[in-house]
């Protein structure tokens, strides 16, 4: 479905999308795991404000896709 596609494309991970849709990970935990490299880079170089705004928008879209999947 479109929700599963969004979970995969926003997280960049088929495995994390499956984990969310099968109840193995919460959407927030999956999102955090999908951002490991970005979090590490932020710890080294600091956070870019524009990138943070975009990341938050993607996080919200990821959560919306997870909610949509749950009700379908």
PDB file of N, CA and C in Angstrom:
ATOM      1  N   UNK A   1       0.829  -1.187   0.000  1.00  0.00           N
ATOM      2  CA  UNK A   1       0.000   0.000   0.000  1.00  0.00           C
ATOM      3  C   UNK A   1       0.872   1.249   0.000  1.00  0.00           C
ATOM      4  N   UNK A   2       0.223   2.376  -0.155  1.00  0.00           N
ATOM      5  CA  UNK A   2       0.942   3.651  -0.155  1.00  0.00           C
ATOM      6  C   UNK A   2       1.599   3.911   1.201  1.00  0.00           C
ATOM      7  N   UNK A   3       0.944   3.497   2.271  1.00  0.00           N
ATOM      8  CA  UNK A   3       1.510   3.720   3.608  1.00  0.00           C
ATOM      9  C   UNK A   3       2.821   2.963   3.770  1.00  0.00           C
ATOM     10  N   UNK A   4       2.862   1.718   3.312  1.00  0.00           N
ATOM     11  CA  UNK A   4       4.092   0.933   3.424  1.00  0.00           C
ATOM     12  C   UNK A   4       5.194   1.566   2.582  1.00  0.00           C
ATOM     13  N   UNK A   5       4.849   2.007   1.386  1.00  0.00           N
ATOM     14  CA  UNK A   5       5.828   2.687   0.525  1.00  0.00           C
ATOM     15  C   UNK A   5       6.406   3.899   1.241  1.00  0.00           C
ATOM     16  N   UNK A   6       5.551   4.682   1.884  1.00  0.00           N
ATOM     17  CA  UNK A   6       6.026   5.865   2.607  1.00  0.00           C
ATOM     18  C   UNK A   6       6.929   5.478   3.776  1.00  0.00           C
ATOM     19  N   UNK A   7       6.575   4.419   4.496  1.00  0.00           N
ATOM     20  CA  UNK A   7       7.423   3.976   5.606  1.00  0.00           C
ATOM     21  C   UNK A   7       8.816   3.598   5.111  1.00  0.00           C
ATOM     22  N   UNK A   8       8.871   2.898   3.981  1.00  0.00           N
ATOM     23  CA  UNK A   8      10.164   2.496   3.423  1.00  0.00           C
ATOM     24  C   UNK A   8      10.937   3.704   2.925  1.00  0.00           C
ATOM     25  N   UNK A   9      10.284   4.544   2.136  1.00  0.00           N
ATOM     26  CA  UNK A   9      11.018   5.655   1.517  1.00  0.00           C
ATOM     27  C   UNK A   9      11.453   6.705   2.536  1.00  0.00           C
ATOM     28  N   UNK A  10      10.641   6.973   3.532  1.00  0.00           N
ATOM     29  CA  UNK A  10      11.013   7.982   4.525  1.00  0.00           C
ATOM     30  C   UNK A  10      12.099   7.489   5.477  1.00  0.00           C
ATOM     31  N   UNK A  11      12.058   6.211   5.823  1.00  0.00           N
ATOM     32  CA  UNK A  11      13.079   5.671   6.729  1.00  0.00           C
ATOM     33  C   UNK A  11      14.319   5.218   5.976  1.00  0.00           C
ATOM     34  N   UNK A  12      14.153   4.927   4.693  1.00  0.00           N
ATOM     35  CA  UNK A  12      15.265   4.400   3.910  1.00  0.00           C
ATOM     36  C   UNK A  12      15.552   2.941   4.216  1.00  0.00           C
ATOM     37  N   UNK A  13      14.564   2.251   4.809  1.00  0.00           N
ATOM     38  CA  UNK A  13      14.813   0.875   5.245  1.00  0.00           C
ATOM     39  C   UNK A  13      13.569   0.005   5.104  1.00  0.00           C
ATOM     40  N   UNK A  14      13.697  -1.039   4.317  1.00  0.00           N
ATOM     41  CA  UNK A  14      12.634  -2.031   4.199  1.00  0.00           C
ATOM     42  C   UNK A  14      12.448  -2.771   5.525  1.00  0.00           C
ATOM     43  N   UNK A  15      13.550  -3.076   6.190  1.00  0.00           N
ATOM     44  CA  UNK A  15      13.498  -3.828   7.450  1.00  0.00           C
ATOM     45  C   UNK A  15      12.781  -3.029   8.541  1.00  0.00           C
ATOM     46  N   UNK A  16      13.091  -1.742   8.655  1.00  0.00           N
ATOM     47  CA  UNK A  16      12.413  -0.930   9.669  1.00  0.00           C
ATOM     48  C   UNK A  16      10.926  -0.802   9.364  1.00  0.00           C
ATOM     49  N   UNK A  17      10.578  -0.675   8.096  1.00  0.00           N
ATOM     50  CA  UNK A  17       9.159  -0.609   7.720  1.00  0.00           C
ATOM     51  C   UNK A  17       8.443  -1.901   8.105  1.00  0.00           C
ATOM     52  N   UNK A  18       9.063  -3.059   7.815  1.00  0.00           N
ATOM     53  CA  UNK A  18       8.466  -4.333   8.227  1.00  0.00           C
ATOM     54  C   UNK A  18       8.340  -4.410   9.746  1.00  0.00           C
ATOM     55  N   UNK A  19       9.342  -3.947  10.473  1.00  0.00           N
ATOM     56  CA  UNK A  19       9.300  -3.992  11.937  1.00  0.00           C
ATOM     57  C   UNK A  19       8.134  -3.172  12.479  1.00  0.00           C
ATOM     58  N   UNK A  20       7.886  -2.015  11.888  1.00  0.00           N
ATOM     59  CA  UNK A  20       6.762  -1.176  12.323  1.00  0.00           C
ATOM     60  C   UNK A  20       5.436  -1.851  11.987  1.00  0.00           C
ATOM     61  N   UNK A  21       5.296  -2.333  10.759  1.00  0.00           N
ATOM     62  CA  UNK A  21       4.015  -2.905  10.335  1.00  0.00           C
ATOM     63  C   UNK A  21       3.700  -4.231  11.013  1.00  0.00           C
ATOM     64  N   UNK A  22       4.716  -4.903  11.545  1.00  0.00           N
ATOM     65  CA  UNK A  22       4.483  -6.155  12.260  1.00  0.00           C
ATOM     66  C   UNK A  22       4.537  -5.978  13.785  1.00  0.00           C
ATOM     67  N   UNK A  23       4.564  -4.732  14.248  1.00  0.00           N
ATOM     68  CA  UNK A  23       4.500  -4.455  15.673  1.00  0.00           C
ATOM     69  C   UNK A  23       5.765  -4.745  16.452  1.00  0.00           C
ATOM     70  N   UNK A  24       6.888  -4.889  15.773  1.00  0.00           N
ATOM     71  CA  UNK A  24       8.156  -5.185  16.457  1.00  0.00           C
ATOM     72  C   UNK A  24       8.849  -3.921  16.965  1.00  0.00           C
ATOM     73  N   UNK A  25       8.596  -2.798  16.299  1.00  0.00           N
ATOM     74  CA  UNK A  25       9.144  -1.502  16.714  1.00  0.00           C
ATOM     75  C   UNK A  25       8.040  -0.462  16.669  1.00  0.00           C
ATOM     76  N   UNK A  26       8.111   0.476  17.585  1.00  0.00           N
ATOM     77  CA  UNK A  26       7.197   1.613  17.503  1.00  0.00           C
ATOM     78  C   UNK A  26       7.670   2.509  16.364  1.00  0.00           C
ATOM     79  N   UNK A  27       6.776   3.306  15.807  1.00  0.00           N
ATOM     80  CA  UNK A  27       7.213   4.238  14.764  1.00  0.00           C
ATOM     81  C   UNK A  27       8.337   5.162  15.245  1.00  0.00           C
ATOM     82  N   UNK A  28       8.273   5.614  16.488  1.00  0.00           N
ATOM     83  CA  UNK A  28       9.317   6.520  16.991  1.00  0.00           C
ATOM     84  C   UNK A  28      10.665   5.814  17.099  1.00  0.00           C
ATOM     85  N   UNK A  29      10.661   4.579  17.589  1.00  0.00           N
ATOM     86  CA  UNK A  29      11.919   3.826  17.673  1.00  0.00           C
ATOM     87  C   UNK A  29      12.497   3.559  16.288  1.00  0.00           C
ATOM     88  N   UNK A  30      11.634   3.200  15.348  1.00  0.00           N
ATOM     89  CA  UNK A  30      12.103   2.956  13.979  1.00  0.00           C
ATOM     90  C   UNK A  30      12.669   4.234  13.373  1.00  0.00           C
ATOM     91  N   UNK A  31      11.997   5.357  13.605  1.00  0.00           N
ATOM     92  CA  UNK A  31      12.486   6.629  13.066  1.00  0.00           C
ATOM     93  C   UNK A  31      13.858   6.967  13.654  1.00  0.00           C
ATOM     94  N   UNK A  32      14.002   6.786  14.958  1.00  0.00           N
ATOM     95  CA  UNK A  32      15.284   7.056  15.614  1.00  0.00           C
ATOM     96  C   UNK A  32      16.390   6.189  15.023  1.00  0.00           C
ATOM     97  N   UNK A  33      16.105   4.915  14.817  1.00  0.00           N
ATOM     98  CA  UNK A  33      17.101   4.023  14.219  1.00  0.00           C
ATOM     99  C   UNK A  33      17.443   4.431  12.789  1.00  0.00           C
ATOM    100  N   UNK A  34      16.465   4.925  12.066  1.00  0.00           N
ATOM    101  CA  UNK A  34      16.715   5.321  10.675  1.00  0.00           C
ATOM    102  C   UNK A  34      17.588   6.570  10.585  1.00  0.00           C
ATOM    103  N   UNK A  35      17.725   7.282  11.688  1.00  0.00           N
ATOM    104  CA  UNK A  35      18.470   8.542  11.708  1.00  0.00           C
ATOM    105  C   UNK A  35      19.810   8.416  12.431  1.00  0.00           C
ATOM    106  N   UNK A  36      20.321   7.205  12.586  1.00  0.00           N
ATOM    107  CA  UNK A  36      21.569   6.999  13.333  1.00  0.00           C
ATOM    108  C   UNK A  36      22.715   7.818  12.740  1.00  0.00           C
ATOM    109  N   UNK A  37      22.910   7.744  11.443  1.00  0.00           N
ATOM    110  CA  UNK A  37      24.022   8.475  10.826  1.00  0.00           C
ATOM    111  C   UNK A  37      23.841   9.981  10.970  1.00  0.00           C
ATOM    112  N   UNK A  38      22.618  10.464  10.744  1.00  0.00           N
ATOM    113  CA  UNK A  38      22.362  11.897  10.880  1.00  0.00           C
ATOM    114  C   UNK A  38      22.623  12.364  12.312  1.00  0.00           C
ATOM    115  N   UNK A  39      22.202  11.559  13.286  1.00  0.00           N
ATOM    116  CA  UNK A  39      22.431  11.920  14.692  1.00  0.00           C
ATOM    117  C   UNK A  39      23.918  11.987  15.014  1.00  0.00           C
ATOM    118  N   UNK A  40      24.673  11.052  14.475  1.00  0.00           N
ATOM    119  CA  UNK A  40      26.120  11.059  14.688  1.00  0.00           C
ATOM    120  C   UNK A  40      26.750  12.307  14.067  1.00  0.00           C
ATOM    121  N   UNK A  41      26.357  12.635  12.845  1.00  0.00           N
ATOM    122  CA  UNK A  41      26.903  13.821  12.183  1.00  0.00           C
ATOM    123  C   UNK A  41      26.552  15.098  12.952  1.00  0.00           C
ATOM    124  N   UNK A  42      25.341  15.159  13.487  1.00  0.00           N
ATOM    125  CA  UNK A  42      24.942  16.319  14.290  1.00  0.00           C
ATOM    126  C   UNK A  42      25.810  16.416  15.540  1.00  0.00           C
ATOM    127  N   UNK A  43      26.122  15.270  16.152  1.00  0.00           N
ATOM    128  CA  UNK A  43      26.964  15.295  17.355  1.00  0.00           C
ATOM    129  C   UNK A  43      28.369  15.792  17.042  1.00  0.00           C
ATOM    130  N   UNK A  44      28.837  15.547  15.821  1.00  0.00           N
ATOM    131  CA  UNK A  44      30.172  16.009  15.429  1.00  0.00           C
ATOM    132  C   UNK A  44      30.191  17.465  14.998  1.00  0.00           C
ATOM    133  N   UNK A  45      29.235  17.834  14.158  1.00  0.00           N
ATOM    134  CA  UNK A  45      29.298  19.119  13.465  1.00  0.00           C
ATOM    135  C   UNK A  45      28.226  20.117  13.872  1.00  0.00           C
ATOM    136  N   UNK A  46      27.267  19.686  14.664  1.00  0.00           N
ATOM    137  CA  UNK A  46      26.171  20.570  15.031  1.00  0.00           C
ATOM    138  C   UNK A  46      25.001  20.409  14.074  1.00  0.00           C
ATOM    139  N   UNK A  47      23.890  20.992  14.459  1.00  0.00           N
ATOM    140  CA  UNK A  47      22.661  20.823  13.691  1.00  0.00           C
ATOM    141  C   UNK A  47      22.448  21.989  12.741  1.00  0.00           C
ATOM    142  N   UNK A  48      22.094  21.669  11.519  1.00  0.00           N
ATOM    143  CA  UNK A  48      21.724  22.663  10.520  1.00  0.00           C
ATOM    144  C   UNK A  48      20.224  22.924  10.671  1.00  0.00           C
ATOM    145  N   UNK A  49      19.847  24.184  10.826  1.00  0.00           N
ATOM    146  CA  UNK A  49      18.454  24.530  11.095  1.00  0.00           C
ATOM    147  C   UNK A  49      17.518  24.087   9.974  1.00  0.00           C
ATOM    148  N   UNK A  50      17.906  24.308   8.730  1.00  0.00           N
ATOM    149  CA  UNK A  50      17.056  23.909   7.604  1.00  0.00           C
ATOM    150  C   UNK A  50      16.900  22.393   7.538  1.00  0.00           C
ATOM    151  N   UNK A  51      17.982  21.679   7.782  1.00  0.00           N
ATOM    152  CA  UNK A  51      17.927  20.214   7.778  1.00  0.00           C
ATOM    153  C   UNK A  51      17.045  19.707   8.915  1.00  0.00           C
ATOM    154  N   UNK A  52      17.081  20.380  10.049  1.00  0.00           N
ATOM    155  CA  UNK A  52      16.256  19.977  11.187  1.00  0.00           C
ATOM    156  C   UNK A  52      14.770  20.151  10.876  1.00  0.00           C
ATOM    157  N   UNK A  53      14.431  21.234  10.201  1.00  0.00           N
ATOM    158  CA  UNK A  53      13.034  21.468   9.807  1.00  0.00           C
ATOM    159  C   UNK A  53      12.570  20.374   8.846  1.00  0.00           C
ATOM    160  N   UNK A  54      13.398  20.045   7.872  1.00  0.00           N
ATOM    161  CA  UNK A  54      13.065  18.993   6.913  1.00  0.00           C
ATOM    162  C   UNK A  54      12.945  17.634   7.605  1.00  0.00           C
ATOM    163  N   UNK A  55      13.859  17.337   8.514  1.00  0.00           N
ATOM    164  CA  UNK A  55      13.817  16.064   9.238  1.00  0.00           C
ATOM    165  C   UNK A  55      12.540  15.944  10.067  1.00  0.00           C
ATOM    166  N   UNK A  56      12.114  17.023  10.695  1.00  0.00           N
ATOM    167  CA  UNK A  56      10.885  16.998  11.488  1.00  0.00           C
ATOM    168  C   UNK A  56       9.668  16.771  10.594  1.00  0.00           C
ATOM    169  N   UNK A  57       9.659  17.386   9.438  1.00  0.00           N
ATOM    170  CA  UNK A  57       8.571  17.175   8.484  1.00  0.00           C
ATOM    171  C   UNK A  57       8.506  15.712   8.047  1.00  0.00           C
ATOM    172  N   UNK A  58       9.662  15.121   7.789  1.00  0.00           N
ATOM    173  CA  UNK A  58       9.713  13.708   7.398  1.00  0.00           C
ATOM    174  C   UNK A  58       9.299  12.805   8.559  1.00  0.00           C
ATOM    175  N   UNK A  59       9.691  13.168   9.780  1.00  0.00           N
ATOM    176  CA  UNK A  59       9.298  12.382  10.955  1.00  0.00           C
ATOM    177  C   UNK A  59       7.781  12.369  11.102  1.00  0.00           C
ATOM    178  N   UNK A  60       7.162  13.521  10.931  1.00  0.00           N
ATOM    179  CA  UNK A  60       5.707  13.600  11.025  1.00  0.00           C
ATOM    180  C   UNK A  60       5.040  12.772   9.931  1.00  0.00           C
ATOM    181  N   UNK A  61       5.576  12.834   8.715  1.00  0.00           N
ATOM    182  CA  UNK A  61       5.030  12.038   7.611  1.00  0.00           C
ATOM    183  C   UNK A  61       5.185  10.545   7.893  1.00  0.00           C
ATOM    184  N   UNK A  62       6.312  10.155   8.484  1.00  0.00           N
ATOM    185  CA  UNK A  62       6.544   8.752   8.838  1.00  0.00           C
ATOM    186  C   UNK A  62       5.495   8.288   9.844  1.00  0.00           C
ATOM    187  N   UNK A  63       5.236   9.102  10.864  1.00  0.00           N
ATOM    188  CA  UNK A  63       4.234   8.752  11.868  1.00  0.00           C
ATOM    189  C   UNK A  63       2.834   8.699  11.262  1.00  0.00           C
ATOM    190  N   UNK A  64       2.532   9.598  10.352  1.00  0.00           N
ATOM    191  CA  UNK A  64       1.230   9.568   9.682  1.00  0.00           C
ATOM    192  C   UNK A  64       1.072   8.291   8.868  1.00  0.00           C
ATOM    193  N   UNK A  65       2.124   7.887   8.177  1.00  0.00           N
ATOM    194  CA  UNK A  65       2.077   6.650   7.394  1.00  0.00           C
ATOM    195  C   UNK A  65       1.862   5.446   8.307  1.00  0.00           C
ATOM    196  N   UNK A  66       2.513   5.443   9.460  1.00  0.00           N
ATOM    197  CA  UNK A  66       2.342   4.338  10.413  1.00  0.00           C
ATOM    198  C   UNK A  66       0.909   4.293  10.940  1.00  0.00           C
ATOM    199  N   UNK A  67       0.339   5.455  11.233  1.00  0.00           N
ATOM    200  CA  UNK A  67      -1.053   5.493  11.698  1.00  0.00           C
ATOM    201  C   UNK A  67      -2.002   5.022  10.601  1.00  0.00           C
ATOM    202  N   UNK A  68      -1.749   5.448   9.366  1.00  0.00           N
ATOM    203  CA  UNK A  68      -2.585   5.034   8.243  1.00  0.00           C
ATOM    204  C   UNK A  68      -2.508   3.521   8.064  1.00  0.00           C
ATOM    205  N   UNK A  69      -1.305   2.966   8.152  1.00  0.00           N
ATOM    206  CA  UNK A  69      -1.134   1.513   8.034  1.00  0.00           C
ATOM    207  C   UNK A  69      -1.948   0.801   9.119  1.00  0.00           C
ATOM    208  N   UNK A  70      -1.910   1.332  10.331  1.00  0.00           N
ATOM    209  CA  UNK A  70      -2.579   0.681  11.461  1.00  0.00           C
ATOM    210  C   UNK A  70      -4.096   0.640  11.296  1.00  0.00           C
ATOM    211  N   UNK A  71      -4.676   1.628  10.654  1.00  0.00           N
ATOM    212  CA  UNK A  71      -6.138   1.653  10.513  1.00  0.00           C
ATOM    213  C   UNK A  71      -6.620   0.937   9.258  1.00  0.00           C
ATOM    214  N   UNK A  72      -5.723   0.598   8.368  1.00  0.00           N
ATOM    215  CA  UNK A  72      -6.148  -0.074   7.123  1.00  0.00           C
ATOM    216  C   UNK A  72      -6.231  -1.555   7.263  1.00  0.00           C
TER     217      UNK A  72
END
